[in-house]
Amino acid sequence: MFGPLVVKPIKSKGDKTGAWRIKLRPKYLQKDCIACKMCVLICPEACVRGKEKNTYNCDYNYCKGCGLCAAVCPKKDILMFEEEFAGDKK
């Protein structure tokens, strides 16, 4: 019925996320990371990069702010923060 779903790394390379990302962005605390790579595997845009413990980050040019990386982190080492855009007022 359905074929295999395959996400290619940074498949939206020509379409940077830009300002249409929801107002959240992940912050990799890099304190308790165990390099399980769950954040890398779950990211729908494949924008999370890193090779070993405490080196994981995401490319905010492609991040949609979905929060999946923070949700699957077993050590809760990724937090979602509200992002300010140029036209925002507080």
PDB file of N, CA and C in Angstrom:
ATOM      1  N   MET A   1       0.809  -1.187   0.000  1.00  0.00           N
ATOM      2  CA  MET A   1       0.000   0.000   0.000  1.00  0.00           C
ATOM      3  C   MET A   1       0.861   1.263   0.000  1.00  0.00           C
ATOM      4  N   PHE A   2       1.724   1.404   1.021  1.00  0.00           N
ATOM      5  CA  PHE A   2       2.631   2.546   1.078  1.00  0.00           C
ATOM      6  C   PHE A   2       4.056   2.050   0.983  1.00  0.00           C
ATOM      7  N   GLY A   3       4.895   2.812   0.306  1.00  0.00           N
ATOM      8  CA  GLY A   3       6.306   2.469   0.226  1.00  0.00           C
ATOM      9  C   GLY A   3       7.028   2.914   1.480  1.00  0.00           C
ATOM     10  N   PRO A   4       8.292   2.603   1.600  1.00  0.00           N
ATOM     11  CA  PRO A   4       9.052   3.017   2.779  1.00  0.00           C
ATOM     12  C   PRO A   4       9.203   4.540   2.818  1.00  0.00           C
ATOM     13  N   LEU A   5       9.132   5.088   4.015  1.00  0.00           N
ATOM     14  CA  LEU A   5       9.320   6.527   4.188  1.00  0.00           C
ATOM     15  C   LEU A   5      10.791   6.778   4.466  1.00  0.00           C
ATOM     16  N   VAL A   6      11.392   7.622   3.653  1.00  0.00           N
ATOM     17  CA  VAL A   6      12.816   7.899   3.792  1.00  0.00           C
ATOM     18  C   VAL A   6      13.008   9.406   3.865  1.00  0.00           C
ATOM     19  N   VAL A   7      13.701   9.865   4.895  1.00  0.00           N
ATOM     20  CA  VAL A   7      14.032  11.277   5.015  1.00  0.00           C
ATOM     21  C   VAL A   7      15.473  11.453   4.590  1.00  0.00           C
ATOM     22  N   LYS A   8      15.671  12.272   3.593  1.00  0.00           N
ATOM     23  CA  LYS A   8      17.026  12.540   3.140  1.00  0.00           C
ATOM     24  C   LYS A   8      17.582  13.720   3.943  1.00  0.00           C
ATOM     25  N   PRO A   9      18.874  13.703   4.273  1.00  0.00           N
ATOM     26  CA  PRO A   9      19.446  14.796   5.047  1.00  0.00           C
ATOM     27  C   PRO A   9      19.201  16.144   4.393  1.00  0.00           C
ATOM     28  N   ILE A  10      18.723  17.054   5.181  1.00  0.00           N
ATOM     29  CA  ILE A  10      18.412  18.431   4.778  1.00  0.00           C
ATOM     30  C   ILE A  10      17.773  18.457   3.391  1.00  0.00           C
ATOM     31  N   LYS A  11      16.640  17.769   3.278  1.00  0.00           N
ATOM     32  CA  LYS A  11      15.959  17.686   1.996  1.00  0.00           C
ATOM     33  C   LYS A  11      15.416  19.032   1.535  1.00  0.00           C
ATOM     34  N   SER A  12      15.281  19.975   2.464  1.00  0.00           N
ATOM     35  CA  SER A  12      14.766  21.293   2.095  1.00  0.00           C
ATOM     36  C   SER A  12      15.896  22.299   1.937  1.00  0.00           C
ATOM     37  N   LYS A  13      17.050  21.850   1.516  1.00  0.00           N
ATOM     38  CA  LYS A  13      18.226  22.709   1.436  1.00  0.00           C
ATOM     39  C   LYS A  13      17.959  24.002   0.677  1.00  0.00           C
ATOM     40  N   GLY A  14      17.146  23.942  -0.341  1.00  0.00           N
ATOM     41  CA  GLY A  14      16.816  25.146  -1.090  1.00  0.00           C
ATOM     42  C   GLY A  14      15.742  25.985  -0.428  1.00  0.00           C
ATOM     43  N   ASP A  15      14.994  25.420   0.514  1.00  0.00           N
ATOM     44  CA  ASP A  15      13.912  26.148   1.178  1.00  0.00           C
ATOM     45  C   ASP A  15      14.218  26.271   2.659  1.00  0.00           C
ATOM     46  N   LYS A  16      15.075  27.194   3.006  1.00  0.00           N
ATOM     47  CA  LYS A  16      15.377  27.390   4.421  1.00  0.00           C
ATOM     48  C   LYS A  16      14.088  27.736   5.153  1.00  0.00           C
ATOM     49  N   THR A  17      14.003  27.289   6.384  1.00  0.00           N
ATOM     50  CA  THR A  17      12.790  27.466   7.162  1.00  0.00           C
ATOM     51  C   THR A  17      12.439  28.932   7.332  1.00  0.00           C
ATOM     52  N   GLY A  18      13.422  29.767   7.618  1.00  0.00           N
ATOM     53  CA  GLY A  18      13.185  31.198   7.748  1.00  0.00           C
ATOM     54  C   GLY A  18      12.199  31.541   8.836  1.00  0.00           C
ATOM     55  N   ALA A  19      11.390  32.556   8.634  1.00  0.00           N
ATOM     56  CA  ALA A  19      10.498  33.076   9.662  1.00  0.00           C
ATOM     57  C   ALA A  19       9.214  32.276   9.817  1.00  0.00           C
ATOM     58  N   TRP A  20       8.966  31.259   9.010  1.00  0.00           N
ATOM     59  CA  TRP A  20       7.709  30.521   9.175  1.00  0.00           C
ATOM     60  C   TRP A  20       7.791  29.450  10.232  1.00  0.00           C
ATOM     61  N   ARG A  21       8.968  29.260  10.854  1.00  0.00           N
ATOM     62  CA  ARG A  21       9.098  28.304  11.956  1.00  0.00           C
ATOM     63  C   ARG A  21       8.188  28.760  13.093  1.00  0.00           C
ATOM     64  N   ILE A  22       7.612  27.793  13.811  1.00  0.00           N
ATOM     65  CA  ILE A  22       6.823  28.183  14.969  1.00  0.00           C
ATOM     66  C   ILE A  22       7.750  28.874  15.958  1.00  0.00           C
ATOM     67  N   LYS A  23       7.216  29.547  16.933  1.00  0.00           N
ATOM     68  CA  LYS A  23       8.042  30.389  17.796  1.00  0.00           C
ATOM     69  C   LYS A  23       8.827  29.626  18.855  1.00  0.00           C
ATOM     70  N   LEU A  24       9.220  28.418  18.562  1.00  0.00           N
ATOM     71  CA  LEU A  24      10.031  27.641  19.490  1.00  0.00           C
ATOM     72  C   LEU A  24      11.292  27.165  18.788  1.00  0.00           C
ATOM     73  N   ARG A  25      12.361  27.074  19.555  1.00  0.00           N
ATOM     74  CA  ARG A  25      13.590  26.513  19.014  1.00  0.00           C
ATOM     75  C   ARG A  25      14.259  25.681  20.089  1.00  0.00           C
ATOM     76  N   PRO A  26      14.918  24.595  19.697  1.00  0.00           N
ATOM     77  CA  PRO A  26      15.573  23.740  20.687  1.00  0.00           C
ATOM     78  C   PRO A  26      16.883  24.345  21.179  1.00  0.00           C
ATOM     79  N   LYS A  27      17.156  24.138  22.437  1.00  0.00           N
ATOM     80  CA  LYS A  27      18.434  24.536  23.031  1.00  0.00           C
ATOM     81  C   LYS A  27      19.073  23.271  23.567  1.00  0.00           C
ATOM     82  N   TYR A  28      20.210  22.908  23.020  1.00  0.00           N
ATOM     83  CA  TYR A  28      20.935  21.716  23.440  1.00  0.00           C
ATOM     84  C   TYR A  28      21.816  22.116  24.618  1.00  0.00           C
ATOM     85  N   LEU A  29      21.457  21.657  25.812  1.00  0.00           N
ATOM     86  CA  LEU A  29      22.161  22.057  27.021  1.00  0.00           C
ATOM     87  C   LEU A  29      23.577  21.488  27.090  1.00  0.00           C
ATOM     88  N   GLN A  30      23.788  20.337  26.507  1.00  0.00           N
ATOM     89  CA  GLN A  30      25.093  19.683  26.408  1.00  0.00           C
ATOM     90  C   GLN A  30      25.720  19.440  27.781  1.00  0.00           C
ATOM     91  N   LYS A  31      24.870  19.015  28.720  1.00  0.00           N
ATOM     92  CA  LYS A  31      25.355  18.683  30.062  1.00  0.00           C
ATOM     93  C   LYS A  31      25.250  17.189  30.325  1.00  0.00           C
ATOM     94  N   ASP A  32      24.086  16.612  30.049  1.00  0.00           N
ATOM     95  CA  ASP A  32      23.830  15.213  30.379  1.00  0.00           C
ATOM     96  C   ASP A  32      23.720  14.310  29.155  1.00  0.00           C
ATOM     97  N   CYS A  33      24.114  14.794  27.991  1.00  0.00           N
ATOM     98  CA  CYS A  33      23.992  14.030  26.744  1.00  0.00           C
ATOM     99  C   CYS A  33      24.736  12.704  26.842  1.00  0.00           C
ATOM    100  N   ILE A  34      24.074  11.640  26.395  1.00  0.00           N
ATOM    101  CA  ILE A  34      24.698  10.308  26.388  1.00  0.00           C
ATOM    102  C   ILE A  34      24.943   9.818  24.955  1.00  0.00           C
ATOM    103  N   ALA A  35      24.756  10.705  23.989  1.00  0.00           N
ATOM    104  CA  ALA A  35      24.990  10.400  22.566  1.00  0.00           C
ATOM    105  C   ALA A  35      24.147   9.225  22.083  1.00  0.00           C
ATOM    106  N   CYS A  36      22.890   9.177  22.493  1.00  0.00           N
ATOM    107  CA  CYS A  36      22.002   8.093  22.068  1.00  0.00           C
ATOM    108  C   CYS A  36      21.513   8.285  20.624  1.00  0.00           C
ATOM    109  N   LYS A  37      21.623   9.503  20.106  1.00  0.00           N
ATOM    110  CA  LYS A  37      21.254   9.872  18.740  1.00  0.00           C
ATOM    111  C   LYS A  37      19.747   9.820  18.471  1.00  0.00           C
ATOM    112  N   MET A  38      18.946   9.797  19.516  1.00  0.00           N
ATOM    113  CA  MET A  38      17.499   9.805  19.312  1.00  0.00           C
ATOM    114  C   MET A  38      17.061  11.103  18.635  1.00  0.00           C
ATOM    115  N   CYS A  39      17.671  12.224  19.010  1.00  0.00           N
ATOM    116  CA  CYS A  39      17.329  13.515  18.409  1.00  0.00           C
ATOM    117  C   CYS A  39      17.657  13.515  16.912  1.00  0.00           C
ATOM    118  N   VAL A  40      18.751  12.880  16.552  1.00  0.00           N
ATOM    119  CA  VAL A  40      19.153  12.793  15.144  1.00  0.00           C
ATOM    120  C   VAL A  40      18.145  11.960  14.360  1.00  0.00           C
ATOM    121  N   LEU A  41      17.727  10.847  14.937  1.00  0.00           N
ATOM    122  CA  LEU A  41      16.813   9.935  14.254  1.00  0.00           C
ATOM    123  C   LEU A  41      15.405  10.490  14.098  1.00  0.00           C
ATOM    124  N   ILE A  42      14.923  11.264  15.069  1.00  0.00           N
ATOM    125  CA  ILE A  42      13.533  11.724  15.057  1.00  0.00           C
ATOM    126  C   ILE A  42      13.327  13.007  14.248  1.00  0.00           C
ATOM    127  N   CYS A  43      14.367  13.768  13.998  1.00  0.00           N
ATOM    128  CA  CYS A  43      14.225  15.070  13.331  1.00  0.00           C
ATOM    129  C   CYS A  43      13.682  14.905  11.909  1.00  0.00           C
ATOM    130  N   PRO A  44      12.513  15.511  11.608  1.00  0.00           N
ATOM    131  CA  PRO A  44      11.924  15.347  10.276  1.00  0.00           C
ATOM    132  C   PRO A  44      12.704  16.051   9.170  1.00  0.00           C
ATOM    133  N   GLU A  45      13.536  17.027   9.517  1.00  0.00           N
ATOM    134  CA  GLU A  45      14.322  17.738   8.513  1.00  0.00           C
ATOM    135  C   GLU A  45      15.792  17.338   8.528  1.00  0.00           C
ATOM    136  N   ALA A  46      16.152  16.398   9.380  1.00  0.00           N
ATOM    137  CA  ALA A  46      17.528  15.910   9.493  1.00  0.00           C
ATOM    138  C   ALA A  46      18.519  17.057   9.691  1.00  0.00           C
ATOM    139  N   CYS A  47      18.162  18.000  10.550  1.00  0.00           N
ATOM    140  CA  CYS A  47      19.033  19.151  10.769  1.00  0.00           C
ATOM    141  C   CYS A  47      19.836  19.047  12.063  1.00  0.00           C
ATOM    142  N   VAL A  48      19.720  17.944  12.787  1.00  0.00           N
ATOM    143  CA  VAL A  48      20.500  17.754  14.011  1.00  0.00           C
ATOM    144  C   VAL A  48      21.812  17.082  13.642  1.00  0.00           C
ATOM    145  N   ARG A  49      22.890  17.644  14.140  1.00  0.00           N
ATOM    146  CA  ARG A  49      24.226  17.145  13.827  1.00  0.00           C
ATOM    147  C   ARG A  49      25.020  16.943  15.114  1.00  0.00           C
ATOM    148  N   GLY A  50      25.946  16.011  15.083  1.00  0.00           N
ATOM    149  CA  GLY A  50      26.844  15.754  16.197  1.00  0.00           C
ATOM    150  C   GLY A  50      27.483  14.397  16.035  1.00  0.00           C
ATOM    151  N   LYS A  51      28.609  14.203  16.669  1.00  0.00           N
ATOM    152  CA  LYS A  51      29.321  12.945  16.523  1.00  0.00           C
ATOM    153  C   LYS A  51      29.494  12.206  17.829  1.00  0.00           C
ATOM    154  N   GLU A  52      29.628  12.926  18.912  1.00  0.00           N
ATOM    155  CA  GLU A  52      29.858  12.266  20.189  1.00  0.00           C
ATOM    156  C   GLU A  52      29.169  13.036  21.302  1.00  0.00           C
ATOM    157  N   LYS A  53      29.307  12.518  22.488  1.00  0.00           N
ATOM    158  CA  LYS A  53      28.663  13.098  23.654  1.00  0.00           C
ATOM    159  C   LYS A  53      28.901  14.607  23.744  1.00  0.00           C
ATOM    160  N   ASN A  54      27.842  15.337  24.055  1.00  0.00           N
ATOM    161  CA  ASN A  54      27.891  16.787  24.273  1.00  0.00           C
ATOM    162  C   ASN A  54      28.292  17.599  23.045  1.00  0.00           C
ATOM    163  N   THR A  55      28.064  17.081  21.848  1.00  0.00           N
ATOM    164  CA  THR A  55      28.393  17.866  20.650  1.00  0.00           C
ATOM    165  C   THR A  55      27.182  18.077  19.742  1.00  0.00           C
ATOM    166  N   TYR A  56      26.008  17.689  20.157  1.00  0.00           N
ATOM    167  CA  TYR A  56      24.837  17.765  19.284  1.00  0.00           C
ATOM    168  C   TYR A  56      24.233  19.169  19.271  1.00  0.00           C
ATOM    169  N   ASN A  57      23.861  19.612  18.095  1.00  0.00           N
ATOM    170  CA  ASN A  57      23.200  20.891  17.854  1.00  0.00           C
ATOM    171  C   ASN A  57      22.342  20.739  16.614  1.00  0.00           C
ATOM    172  N   CYS A  58      21.517  21.751  16.357  1.00  0.00           N
ATOM    173  CA  CYS A  58      20.744  21.699  15.118  1.00  0.00           C
ATOM    174  C   CYS A  58      20.997  22.954  14.303  1.00  0.00           C
ATOM    175  N   ASP A  59      20.774  22.845  13.018  1.00  0.00           N
ATOM    176  CA  ASP A  59      20.920  23.967  12.103  1.00  0.00           C
ATOM    177  C   ASP A  59      19.590  24.716  12.098  1.00  0.00           C
ATOM    178  N   TYR A  60      19.565  25.890  12.702  1.00  0.00           N
ATOM    179  CA  TYR A  60      18.324  26.655  12.837  1.00  0.00           C
ATOM    180  C   TYR A  60      17.798  27.174  11.498  1.00  0.00           C
ATOM    181  N   ASN A  61      18.610  27.114  10.452  1.00  0.00           N
ATOM    182  CA  ASN A  61      18.125  27.498   9.126  1.00  0.00           C
ATOM    183  C   ASN A  61      17.065  26.529   8.622  1.00  0.00           C
ATOM    184  N   TYR A  62      17.094  25.284   9.135  1.00  0.00           N
ATOM    185  CA  TYR A  62      16.176  24.260   8.663  1.00  0.00           C
ATOM    186  C   TYR A  62      15.231  23.744   9.744  1.00  0.00           C
ATOM    187  N   CYS A  63      15.485  24.081  10.995  1.00  0.00           N
ATOM    188  CA  CYS A  63      14.655  23.611  12.116  1.00  0.00           C
ATOM    189  C   CYS A  63      13.269  24.244  12.051  1.00  0.00           C
ATOM    190  N   LYS A  64      12.238  23.419  12.214  1.00  0.00           N
ATOM    191  CA  LYS A  64      10.857  23.904  12.194  1.00  0.00           C
ATOM    192  C   LYS A  64      10.329  24.180  13.594  1.00  0.00           C
ATOM    193  N   GLY A  65      11.081  23.808  14.616  1.00  0.00           N
ATOM    194  CA  GLY A  65      10.640  24.036  15.986  1.00  0.00           C
ATOM    195  C   GLY A  65       9.580  23.069  16.450  1.00  0.00           C
ATOM    196  N   CYS A  66       9.552  21.878  15.888  1.00  0.00           N
ATOM    197  CA  CYS A  66       8.499  20.911  16.204  1.00  0.00           C
ATOM    198  C   CYS A  66       8.627  20.348  17.622  1.00  0.00           C
ATOM    199  N   GLY A  67       9.840  20.330  18.177  1.00  0.00           N
ATOM    200  CA  GLY A  67      10.041  19.847  19.537  1.00  0.00           C
ATOM    201  C   GLY A  67      10.201  18.350  19.684  1.00  0.00           C
ATOM    202  N   LEU A  68      10.245  17.631  18.588  1.00  0.00           N
ATOM    203  CA  LEU A  68      10.396  16.177  18.677  1.00  0.00           C
ATOM    204  C   LEU A  68      11.725  15.786  19.317  1.00  0.00           C
ATOM    205  N   CYS A  69      12.776  16.530  19.013  1.00  0.00           N
ATOM    206  CA  CYS A  69      14.083  16.206  19.582  1.00  0.00           C
ATOM    207  C   CYS A  69      14.048  16.309  21.110  1.00  0.00           C
ATOM    208  N   ALA A  70      13.418  17.351  21.624  1.00  0.00           N
ATOM    209  CA  ALA A  70      13.303  17.530  23.077  1.00  0.00           C
ATOM    210  C   ALA A  70      12.410  16.461  23.692  1.00  0.00           C
ATOM    211  N   ALA A  71      11.385  16.071  22.987  1.00  0.00           N
ATOM    212  CA  ALA A  71      10.443  15.076  23.509  1.00  0.00           C
ATOM    213  C   ALA A  71      11.069  13.693  23.655  1.00  0.00           C
ATOM    214  N   VAL A  72      11.988  13.327  22.763  1.00  0.00           N
ATOM    215  CA  VAL A  72      12.561  11.981  22.808  1.00  0.00           C
ATOM    216  C   VAL A  72      13.856  11.892  23.600  1.00  0.00           C
ATOM    217  N   CYS A  73      14.407  13.011  24.024  1.00  0.00           N
ATOM    218  CA  CYS A  73      15.683  12.991  24.745  1.00  0.00           C
ATOM    219  C   CYS A  73      15.505  12.316  26.103  1.00  0.00           C
ATOM    220  N   PRO A  74      16.167  11.158  26.325  1.00  0.00           N
ATOM    221  CA  PRO A  74      15.985  10.432  27.580  1.00  0.00           C
ATOM    222  C   PRO A  74      16.570  11.154  28.790  1.00  0.00           C
ATOM    223  N   LYS A  75      17.508  12.060  28.569  1.00  0.00           N
ATOM    224  CA  LYS A  75      18.138  12.802  29.663  1.00  0.00           C
ATOM    225  C   LYS A  75      17.561  14.202  29.831  1.00  0.00           C
ATOM    226  N   LYS A  76      16.569  14.556  29.003  1.00  0.00           N
ATOM    227  CA  LYS A  76      15.963  15.890  29.031  1.00  0.00           C
ATOM    228  C   LYS A  76      17.032  16.975  28.916  1.00  0.00           C
ATOM    229  N   ASP A  77      17.993  16.741  28.036  1.00  0.00           N
ATOM    230  CA  ASP A  77      19.105  17.657  27.820  1.00  0.00           C
ATOM    231  C   ASP A  77      18.820  18.651  26.693  1.00  0.00           C
ATOM    232  N   ILE A  78      17.619  18.585  26.132  1.00  0.00           N
ATOM    233  CA  ILE A  78      17.198  19.513  25.086  1.00  0.00           C
ATOM    234  C   ILE A  78      15.929  20.201  25.584  1.00  0.00           C
ATOM    235  N   LEU A  79      15.948  21.514  25.603  1.00  0.00           N
ATOM    236  CA  LEU A  79      14.779  22.280  26.034  1.00  0.00           C
ATOM    237  C   LEU A  79      14.302  23.147  24.879  1.00  0.00           C
ATOM    238  N   MET A  80      13.011  23.431  24.856  1.00  0.00           N
ATOM    239  CA  MET A  80      12.447  24.296  23.829  1.00  0.00           C
ATOM    240  C   MET A  80      12.254  25.694  24.420  1.00  0.00           C
ATOM    241  N   PHE A  81      12.752  26.698  23.704  1.00  0.00           N
ATOM    242  CA  PHE A  81      12.640  28.083  24.140  1.00  0.00           C
ATOM    243  C   PHE A  81      11.870  28.888  23.112  1.00  0.00           C
ATOM    244  N   GLU A  82      11.178  29.909  23.581  1.00  0.00           N
ATOM    245  CA  GLU A  82      10.468  30.794  22.668  1.00  0.00           C
ATOM    246  C   GLU A  82      11.489  31.669  21.947  1.00  0.00           C
ATOM    247  N   GLU A  83      11.278  31.805  20.671  1.00  0.00           N
ATOM    248  CA  GLU A  83      12.185  32.572  19.826  1.00  0.00           C
ATOM    249  C   GLU A  83      11.578  33.936  19.540  1.00  0.00           C
ATOM    250  N   GLU A  84      12.398  34.968  19.556  1.00  0.00           N
ATOM    251  CA  GLU A  84      11.921  36.302  19.209  1.00  0.00           C
ATOM    252  C   GLU A  84      12.232  36.587  17.743  1.00  0.00           C
ATOM    253  N   PHE A  85      11.249  37.125  17.054  1.00  0.00           N
ATOM    254  CA  PHE A  85      11.447  37.527  15.662  1.00  0.00           C
ATOM    255  C   PHE A  85      11.592  39.036  15.604  1.00  0.00           C
ATOM    256  N   ALA A  86      12.117  39.544  14.534  1.00  0.00           N
ATOM    257  CA  ALA A  86      12.427  40.971  14.391  1.00  0.00           C
ATOM    258  C   ALA A  86      11.238  41.873  14.713  1.00  0.00           C
ATOM    259  N   GLY A  87      10.038  41.501  14.331  1.00  0.00           N
ATOM    260  CA  GLY A  87       8.878  42.363  14.535  1.00  0.00           C
ATOM    261  C   GLY A  87       8.142  42.147  15.833  1.00  0.00           C
ATOM    262  N   ASP A  88       8.612  41.242  16.680  1.00  0.00           N
ATOM    263  CA  ASP A  88       7.921  40.956  17.935  1.00  0.00           C
ATOM    264  C   ASP A  88       8.113  42.068  18.959  1.00  0.00           C
ATOM    265  N   LYS A  89       7.054  42.301  19.727  1.00  0.00           N
ATOM    266  CA  LYS A  89       7.114  43.259  20.823  1.00  0.00           C
ATOM    267  C   LYS A  89       6.851  42.534  22.110  1.00  0.00           C
ATOM    268  N   LYS A  90       7.494  42.960  23.166  1.00  0.00           N
ATOM    269  CA  LYS A  90       7.261  42.321  24.466  1.00  0.00           C
ATOM    270  C   LYS A  90       6.556  43.278  25.388  1.00  0.00           C
TER     271      LYS A  90
END
